[in-house]
């Protein structure tokens, strides 16, 4: 029987992840931020959702680059991260939630999902994709960053040995392309060497660390 990974993260592993990584959540120059700052038509983005936002640091860092954004919302399974972010940036709309249970009504011009899908158990993947798709407005942009592999595979999640958690390596943008999203940009890089410029898949032979930031545009209605 597969482990309900969402339940494990809600029950405490989300808080543990935040405690391990809180000190490093300030990198304005990582590949995800580089891609976000280079998006076209940033002055037309009025609403942003970061799904798996930790304490909301990326939303706060993006504000100067998105002058028209009036709604900056984020969700994370870690109650500790959400509480810390709410204290630090009370104007952000932060809530506890997950990809399978996004706590926001309505849709957003820009949705960010950074290194979350690899932790979604495969029985819950379709629901997570559907929830993310629900909150991307027609004509909106999804920026999806995650481990990327030519063919799907999984390895044990090494931070926990008491439960059978897995890290899934796959092209997590593929389900959205199948739904009609148009991929307009992709940056591939080695997760352990994110500042090496111009890396493509042939230059990242270690499939364990190959990562990608994909920009996907949802088809407009009509």
C-alpha atoms as a PDB file:
ATOM      1  CA  UNK A   1       0.000   0.000   0.000  1.00  0.00           C
ATOM      2  CA  UNK A   2       1.373   3.420  -0.918  1.00  0.00           C
ATOM      3  CA  UNK A   3       1.924   6.088   1.723  1.00  0.00           C
ATOM      4  CA  UNK A   4      -0.370   9.125   1.757  1.00  0.00           C
ATOM      5  CA  UNK A   5       2.484  11.606   1.398  1.00  0.00           C
ATOM      6  CA  UNK A   6       0.216  14.641   1.690  1.00  0.00           C
ATOM      7  CA  UNK A   7      -0.986  13.412   5.094  1.00  0.00           C
ATOM      8  CA  UNK A   8       2.597  12.867   6.265  1.00  0.00           C
ATOM      9  CA  UNK A   9       3.589  16.403   5.294  1.00  0.00           C
ATOM     10  CA  UNK A  10       0.508  17.889   6.917  1.00  0.00           C
ATOM     11  CA  UNK A  11       1.175  15.862  10.086  1.00  0.00           C
ATOM     12  CA  UNK A  12       4.639  17.275  10.631  1.00  0.00           C
ATOM     13  CA  UNK A  13       7.068  16.648   7.794  1.00  0.00           C
ATOM     14  CA  UNK A  14       6.092  19.996   6.264  1.00  0.00           C
ATOM     15  CA  UNK A  15       7.161  21.730   9.484  1.00  0.00           C
ATOM     16  CA  UNK A  16      10.351  19.635   9.560  1.00  0.00           C
ATOM     17  CA  UNK A  17      11.156  20.668   5.967  1.00  0.00           C
ATOM     18  CA  UNK A  18      10.657  24.302   6.906  1.00  0.00           C
ATOM     19  CA  UNK A  19      12.935  24.048   9.940  1.00  0.00           C
ATOM     20  CA  UNK A  20      15.669  22.438   7.825  1.00  0.00           C
ATOM     21  CA  UNK A  21      15.454  25.037   5.057  1.00  0.00           C
ATOM     22  CA  UNK A  22      14.249  28.284   6.662  1.00  0.00           C
ATOM     23  CA  UNK A  23      17.696  29.876   6.756  1.00  0.00           C
ATOM     24  CA  UNK A  24      18.179  29.300   2.998  1.00  0.00           C
ATOM     25  CA  UNK A  25      14.846  30.766   1.861  1.00  0.00           C
ATOM     26  CA  UNK A  26      16.264  34.108   0.777  1.00  0.00           C
ATOM     27  CA  UNK A  27      17.894  33.381  -2.592  1.00  0.00           C
ATOM     28  CA  UNK A  28      16.722  36.016  -5.073  1.00  0.00           C
ATOM     29  CA  UNK A  29      19.146  34.691  -7.682  1.00  0.00           C
ATOM     30  CA  UNK A  30      18.091  31.063  -7.969  1.00  0.00           C
ATOM     31  CA  UNK A  31      16.906  29.813 -11.400  1.00  0.00           C
ATOM     32  CA  UNK A  32      13.226  30.099 -10.438  1.00  0.00           C
ATOM     33  CA  UNK A  33      13.567  33.764  -9.489  1.00  0.00           C
ATOM     34  CA  UNK A  34      15.601  34.457 -12.623  1.00  0.00           C
ATOM     35  CA  UNK A  35      12.819  33.047 -14.794  1.00  0.00           C
ATOM     36  CA  UNK A  36      10.081  34.847 -12.857  1.00  0.00           C
ATOM     37  CA  UNK A  37      11.819  38.199 -13.145  1.00  0.00           C
ATOM     38  CA  UNK A  38      12.153  37.666 -16.898  1.00  0.00           C
ATOM     39  CA  UNK A  39       8.478  36.961 -17.584  1.00  0.00           C
ATOM     40  CA  UNK A  40       6.827  38.929 -20.368  1.00  0.00           C
ATOM     41  CA  UNK A  41       4.052  41.407 -19.568  1.00  0.00           C
ATOM     42  CA  UNK A  42       4.771  41.524 -15.856  1.00  0.00           C
ATOM     43  CA  UNK A  43       2.853  44.804 -15.664  1.00  0.00           C
ATOM     44  CA  UNK A  44      -0.359  42.904 -16.536  1.00  0.00           C
ATOM     45  CA  UNK A  45      -0.120  40.367 -13.716  1.00  0.00           C
ATOM     46  CA  UNK A  46      -2.711  41.334 -11.106  1.00  0.00           C
ATOM     47  CA  UNK A  47      -2.817  38.154  -9.025  1.00  0.00           C
ATOM     48  CA  UNK A  48      -0.229  35.561  -8.038  1.00  0.00           C
ATOM     49  CA  UNK A  49      -0.497  32.231  -6.232  1.00  0.00           C
ATOM     50  CA  UNK A  50       2.501  30.298  -4.935  1.00  0.00           C
ATOM     51  CA  UNK A  51       1.431  26.718  -4.214  1.00  0.00           C
ATOM     52  CA  UNK A  52       3.957  25.266  -1.811  1.00  0.00           C
ATOM     53  CA  UNK A  53       5.087  28.722  -0.752  1.00  0.00           C
ATOM     54  CA  UNK A  54       6.786  27.825   2.547  1.00  0.00           C
ATOM     55  CA  UNK A  55       6.774  31.139   4.469  1.00  0.00           C
ATOM     56  CA  UNK A  56       5.889  33.214   1.391  1.00  0.00           C
ATOM     57  CA  UNK A  57       9.408  34.582   0.873  1.00  0.00           C
ATOM     58  CA  UNK A  58       9.199  34.323  -2.910  1.00  0.00           C
ATOM     59  CA  UNK A  59       5.932  36.263  -3.060  1.00  0.00           C
ATOM     60  CA  UNK A  60       7.474  38.997  -0.937  1.00  0.00           C
ATOM     61  CA  UNK A  61      10.588  39.095  -3.114  1.00  0.00           C
ATOM     62  CA  UNK A  62       8.526  39.292  -6.309  1.00  0.00           C
ATOM     63  CA  UNK A  63       6.475  42.329  -5.311  1.00  0.00           C
ATOM     64  CA  UNK A  64       8.860  44.947  -6.793  1.00  0.00           C
ATOM     65  CA  UNK A  65       8.835  43.074 -10.129  1.00  0.00           C
ATOM     66  CA  UNK A  66       5.024  42.847 -10.354  1.00  0.00           C
ATOM     67  CA  UNK A  67       3.758  46.423 -10.002  1.00  0.00           C
ATOM     68  CA  UNK A  68       0.143  45.597 -10.902  1.00  0.00           C
ATOM     69  CA  UNK A  69      -0.241  42.620  -8.544  1.00  0.00           C
ATOM     70  CA  UNK A  70      -2.931  43.286  -5.946  1.00  0.00           C
ATOM     71  CA  UNK A  71      -3.416  39.716  -4.707  1.00  0.00           C
ATOM     72  CA  UNK A  72      -0.403  37.723  -3.539  1.00  0.00           C
ATOM     73  CA  UNK A  73      -1.521  34.377  -2.137  1.00  0.00           C
ATOM     74  CA  UNK A  74       0.321  31.256  -1.061  1.00  0.00           C
ATOM     75  CA  UNK A  75      -0.361  27.936   0.582  1.00  0.00           C
ATOM     76  CA  UNK A  76       1.850  25.336   2.220  1.00  0.00           C
ATOM     77  CA  UNK A  77       1.288  22.208   4.328  1.00  0.00           C
ATOM     78  CA  UNK A  78       3.523  23.641   7.068  1.00  0.00           C
ATOM     79  CA  UNK A  79       1.576  25.575   9.640  1.00  0.00           C
ATOM     80  CA  UNK A  80       4.868  26.810  11.119  1.00  0.00           C
ATOM     81  CA  UNK A  81       5.944  28.269   7.770  1.00  0.00           C
ATOM     82  CA  UNK A  82       2.584  29.936   7.205  1.00  0.00           C
ATOM     83  CA  UNK A  83       2.631  31.442  10.710  1.00  0.00           C
ATOM     84  CA  UNK A  84       6.160  32.779  10.241  1.00  0.00           C
ATOM     85  CA  UNK A  85       5.302  34.289   6.870  1.00  0.00           C
ATOM     86  CA  UNK A  86       2.101  35.881   8.143  1.00  0.00           C
ATOM     87  CA  UNK A  87       4.078  37.549  10.914  1.00  0.00           C
ATOM     88  CA  UNK A  88       6.819  38.731   8.550  1.00  0.00           C
ATOM     89  CA  UNK A  89       4.535  39.892   5.713  1.00  0.00           C
ATOM     90  CA  UNK A  90       0.980  40.430   7.029  1.00  0.00           C
ATOM     91  CA  UNK A  91      -0.185  41.766   3.660  1.00  0.00           C
ATOM     92  CA  UNK A  92       0.365  38.378   1.999  1.00  0.00           C
ATOM     93  CA  UNK A  93      -2.579  35.965   1.846  1.00  0.00           C
ATOM     94  CA  UNK A  94      -1.052  32.800   3.311  1.00  0.00           C
ATOM     95  CA  UNK A  95      -2.950  29.654   4.255  1.00  0.00           C
ATOM     96  CA  UNK A  96      -2.254  26.034   5.080  1.00  0.00           C
ATOM     97  CA  UNK A  97      -2.962  23.852   2.058  1.00  0.00           C
ATOM     98  CA  UNK A  98      -1.545  21.481  -0.535  1.00  0.00           C
ATOM     99  CA  UNK A  99      -1.640  20.859  -4.287  1.00  0.00           C
ATOM    100  CA  UNK A 100      -4.488  18.405  -3.781  1.00  0.00           C
ATOM    101  CA  UNK A 101      -6.405  20.902  -1.621  1.00  0.00           C
ATOM    102  CA  UNK A 102      -5.660  24.438  -2.756  1.00  0.00           C
ATOM    103  CA  UNK A 103      -7.534  26.688  -0.293  1.00  0.00           C
ATOM    104  CA  UNK A 104      -8.222  29.557  -2.703  1.00  0.00           C
ATOM    105  CA  UNK A 105     -11.332  30.304  -4.718  1.00  0.00           C
ATOM    106  CA  UNK A 106     -11.041  31.894  -8.115  1.00  0.00           C
ATOM    107  CA  UNK A 107      -8.142  31.882 -10.565  1.00  0.00           C
ATOM    108  CA  UNK A 108      -4.840  33.745 -10.804  1.00  0.00           C
ATOM    109  CA  UNK A 109      -2.885  35.407 -13.596  1.00  0.00           C
ATOM    110  CA  UNK A 110       0.341  33.747 -12.427  1.00  0.00           C
ATOM    111  CA  UNK A 111       0.676  30.467 -10.542  1.00  0.00           C
ATOM    112  CA  UNK A 112       4.002  29.203  -9.241  1.00  0.00           C
ATOM    113  CA  UNK A 113       4.684  25.606  -8.194  1.00  0.00           C
ATOM    114  CA  UNK A 114       8.329  25.174  -7.213  1.00  0.00           C
ATOM    115  CA  UNK A 115       9.635  21.740  -6.208  1.00  0.00           C
ATOM    116  CA  UNK A 116       6.351  20.348  -4.915  1.00  0.00           C
ATOM    117  CA  UNK A 117       5.169  17.845  -7.531  1.00  0.00           C
ATOM    118  CA  UNK A 118       8.111  15.521  -6.874  1.00  0.00           C
ATOM    119  CA  UNK A 119       6.653  14.884  -3.411  1.00  0.00           C
ATOM    120  CA  UNK A 120       3.101  14.182  -4.609  1.00  0.00           C
ATOM    121  CA  UNK A 121       2.342  10.468  -4.396  1.00  0.00           C
ATOM    122  CA  UNK A 122       1.346   9.080  -7.768  1.00  0.00           C
ATOM    123  CA  UNK A 123      -2.210   8.035  -6.796  1.00  0.00           C
ATOM    124  CA  UNK A 124      -2.807  11.708  -5.947  1.00  0.00           C
ATOM    125  CA  UNK A 125      -1.093  13.180  -9.000  1.00  0.00           C
ATOM    126  CA  UNK A 126      -4.210  13.585 -11.161  1.00  0.00           C
ATOM    127  CA  UNK A 127      -6.033  15.445  -8.397  1.00  0.00           C
ATOM    128  CA  UNK A 128      -3.044  17.728  -7.833  1.00  0.00           C
ATOM    129  CA  UNK A 129      -2.790  18.536 -11.557  1.00  0.00           C
ATOM    130  CA  UNK A 130      -6.527  19.269 -11.674  1.00  0.00           C
ATOM    131  CA  UNK A 131      -6.327  21.588  -8.654  1.00  0.00           C
ATOM    132  CA  UNK A 132      -3.393  23.522 -10.089  1.00  0.00           C
ATOM    133  CA  UNK A 133      -5.192  23.820 -13.420  1.00  0.00           C
ATOM    134  CA  UNK A 134      -8.299  25.091 -11.594  1.00  0.00           C
ATOM    135  CA  UNK A 135      -6.494  28.090 -10.161  1.00  0.00           C
ATOM    136  CA  UNK A 136      -4.682  29.134 -13.364  1.00  0.00           C
ATOM    137  CA  UNK A 137      -6.873  31.679 -15.142  1.00  0.00           C
ATOM    138  CA  UNK A 138      -7.598  31.313 -18.857  1.00  0.00           C
ATOM    139  CA  UNK A 139      -4.654  32.894 -20.634  1.00  0.00           C
ATOM    140  CA  UNK A 140      -2.704  32.796 -17.372  1.00  0.00           C
ATOM    141  CA  UNK A 141       0.833  31.602 -16.771  1.00  0.00           C
ATOM    142  CA  UNK A 142       2.009  28.579 -14.802  1.00  0.00           C
ATOM    143  CA  UNK A 143       5.676  28.557 -13.791  1.00  0.00           C
ATOM    144  CA  UNK A 144       6.565  25.007 -12.808  1.00  0.00           C
ATOM    145  CA  UNK A 145       9.963  24.124 -11.321  1.00  0.00           C
ATOM    146  CA  UNK A 146      10.913  20.607 -10.309  1.00  0.00           C
ATOM    147  CA  UNK A 147      13.221  17.694 -10.822  1.00  0.00           C
ATOM    148  CA  UNK A 148      12.971  16.568 -14.439  1.00  0.00           C
ATOM    149  CA  UNK A 149      13.713  13.168 -15.979  1.00  0.00           C
ATOM    150  CA  UNK A 150      13.371  11.734 -19.478  1.00  0.00           C
ATOM    151  CA  UNK A 151      11.434   8.788 -18.019  1.00  0.00           C
ATOM    152  CA  UNK A 152       9.687   8.708 -14.634  1.00  0.00           C
ATOM    153  CA  UNK A 153      11.360   7.002 -11.692  1.00  0.00           C
ATOM    154  CA  UNK A 154      11.306   7.319  -7.912  1.00  0.00           C
ATOM    155  CA  UNK A 155      13.831   7.158  -5.084  1.00  0.00           C
ATOM    156  CA  UNK A 156      13.345   7.070  -1.306  1.00  0.00           C
ATOM    157  CA  UNK A 157      12.841  10.426   0.395  1.00  0.00           C
ATOM    158  CA  UNK A 158      15.998  10.399   2.487  1.00  0.00           C
ATOM    159  CA  UNK A 159      14.807  12.682   5.304  1.00  0.00           C
ATOM    160  CA  UNK A 160      12.438  10.030   6.666  1.00  0.00           C
ATOM    161  CA  UNK A 161      13.138   6.354   7.297  1.00  0.00           C
ATOM    162  CA  UNK A 162      10.103   5.517   9.413  1.00  0.00           C
ATOM    163  CA  UNK A 163       7.608   5.831   6.550  1.00  0.00           C
ATOM    164  CA  UNK A 164       7.877   4.884   2.876  1.00  0.00           C
ATOM    165  CA  UNK A 165       8.029   8.321   1.282  1.00  0.00           C
ATOM    166  CA  UNK A 166       9.266   8.731  -2.293  1.00  0.00           C
ATOM    167  CA  UNK A 167      10.782  11.508  -4.376  1.00  0.00           C
ATOM    168  CA  UNK A 168       9.437  11.300  -7.931  1.00  0.00           C
ATOM    169  CA  UNK A 169      11.628  12.368 -10.854  1.00  0.00           C
ATOM    170  CA  UNK A 170       9.596  13.078 -14.007  1.00  0.00           C
ATOM    171  CA  UNK A 171       8.696  15.781 -16.512  1.00  0.00           C
ATOM    172  CA  UNK A 172       5.950  17.281 -14.378  1.00  0.00           C
ATOM    173  CA  UNK A 173       5.088  19.826 -17.076  1.00  0.00           C
ATOM    174  CA  UNK A 174       3.916  17.016 -19.370  1.00  0.00           C
ATOM    175  CA  UNK A 175       0.385  16.682 -17.888  1.00  0.00           C
ATOM    176  CA  UNK A 176      -0.184  20.401 -18.420  1.00  0.00           C
ATOM    177  CA  UNK A 177       1.004  20.278 -22.026  1.00  0.00           C
ATOM    178  CA  UNK A 178      -1.469  17.408 -22.495  1.00  0.00           C
ATOM    179  CA  UNK A 179      -4.199  19.712 -21.150  1.00  0.00           C
ATOM    180  CA  UNK A 180      -3.385  22.274 -23.844  1.00  0.00           C
ATOM    181  CA  UNK A 181      -0.900  24.511 -22.056  1.00  0.00           C
ATOM    182  CA  UNK A 182       1.743  25.960 -24.378  1.00  0.00           C
ATOM    183  CA  UNK A 183       5.292  25.727 -23.049  1.00  0.00           C
ATOM    184  CA  UNK A 184       7.008  28.966 -24.009  1.00  0.00           C
ATOM    185  CA  UNK A 185      10.291  28.629 -22.138  1.00  0.00           C
ATOM    186  CA  UNK A 186      12.342  26.007 -20.323  1.00  0.00           C
ATOM    187  CA  UNK A 187      15.555  26.305 -18.329  1.00  0.00           C
ATOM    188  CA  UNK A 188      17.242  23.026 -17.437  1.00  0.00           C
ATOM    189  CA  UNK A 189      20.038  22.849 -14.885  1.00  0.00           C
ATOM    190  CA  UNK A 190      21.748  20.665 -12.320  1.00  0.00           C
ATOM    191  CA  UNK A 191      19.933  21.070  -9.005  1.00  0.00           C
ATOM    192  CA  UNK A 192      23.256  20.934  -7.148  1.00  0.00           C
ATOM    193  CA  UNK A 193      24.875  23.569  -9.423  1.00  0.00           C
ATOM    194  CA  UNK A 194      22.042  26.053 -10.118  1.00  0.00           C
ATOM    195  CA  UNK A 195      24.278  28.977 -11.036  1.00  0.00           C
ATOM    196  CA  UNK A 196      26.015  27.318 -13.970  1.00  0.00           C
ATOM    197  CA  UNK A 197      24.495  29.180 -16.936  1.00  0.00           C
ATOM    198  CA  UNK A 198      22.998  27.661 -20.034  1.00  0.00           C
ATOM    199  CA  UNK A 199      22.805  24.042 -18.915  1.00  0.00           C
ATOM    200  CA  UNK A 200      20.642  21.753 -21.033  1.00  0.00           C
ATOM    201  CA  UNK A 201      19.757  18.128 -20.511  1.00  0.00           C
ATOM    202  CA  UNK A 202      22.779  16.775 -22.421  1.00  0.00           C
ATOM    203  CA  UNK A 203      25.032  18.733 -20.047  1.00  0.00           C
ATOM    204  CA  UNK A 204      23.333  17.361 -16.935  1.00  0.00           C
ATOM    205  CA  UNK A 205      24.020  13.624 -17.146  1.00  0.00           C
ATOM    206  CA  UNK A 206      23.046  12.863 -13.540  1.00  0.00           C
ATOM    207  CA  UNK A 207      19.343  12.163 -13.844  1.00  0.00           C
ATOM    208  CA  UNK A 208      18.972  12.382 -10.060  1.00  0.00           C
ATOM    209  CA  UNK A 209      19.714  16.133 -10.078  1.00  0.00           C
ATOM    210  CA  UNK A 210      18.369  17.281 -13.446  1.00  0.00           C
ATOM    211  CA  UNK A 211      15.879  20.063 -12.841  1.00  0.00           C
ATOM    212  CA  UNK A 212      13.831  22.403 -14.983  1.00  0.00           C
ATOM    213  CA  UNK A 213      11.857  25.622 -14.743  1.00  0.00           C
ATOM    214  CA  UNK A 214       9.070  25.607 -17.357  1.00  0.00           C
ATOM    215  CA  UNK A 215       6.833  28.528 -18.320  1.00  0.00           C
ATOM    216  CA  UNK A 216       3.428  27.312 -19.505  1.00  0.00           C
ATOM    217  CA  UNK A 217       0.580  29.462 -20.837  1.00  0.00           C
ATOM    218  CA  UNK A 218      -2.984  28.240 -20.449  1.00  0.00           C
ATOM    219  CA  UNK A 219      -5.213  28.581 -23.476  1.00  0.00           C
ATOM    220  CA  UNK A 220      -7.527  31.577 -23.401  1.00  0.00           C
ATOM    221  CA  UNK A 221     -11.279  31.024 -23.549  1.00  0.00           C
ATOM    222  CA  UNK A 222     -12.711  31.334 -27.031  1.00  0.00           C
END
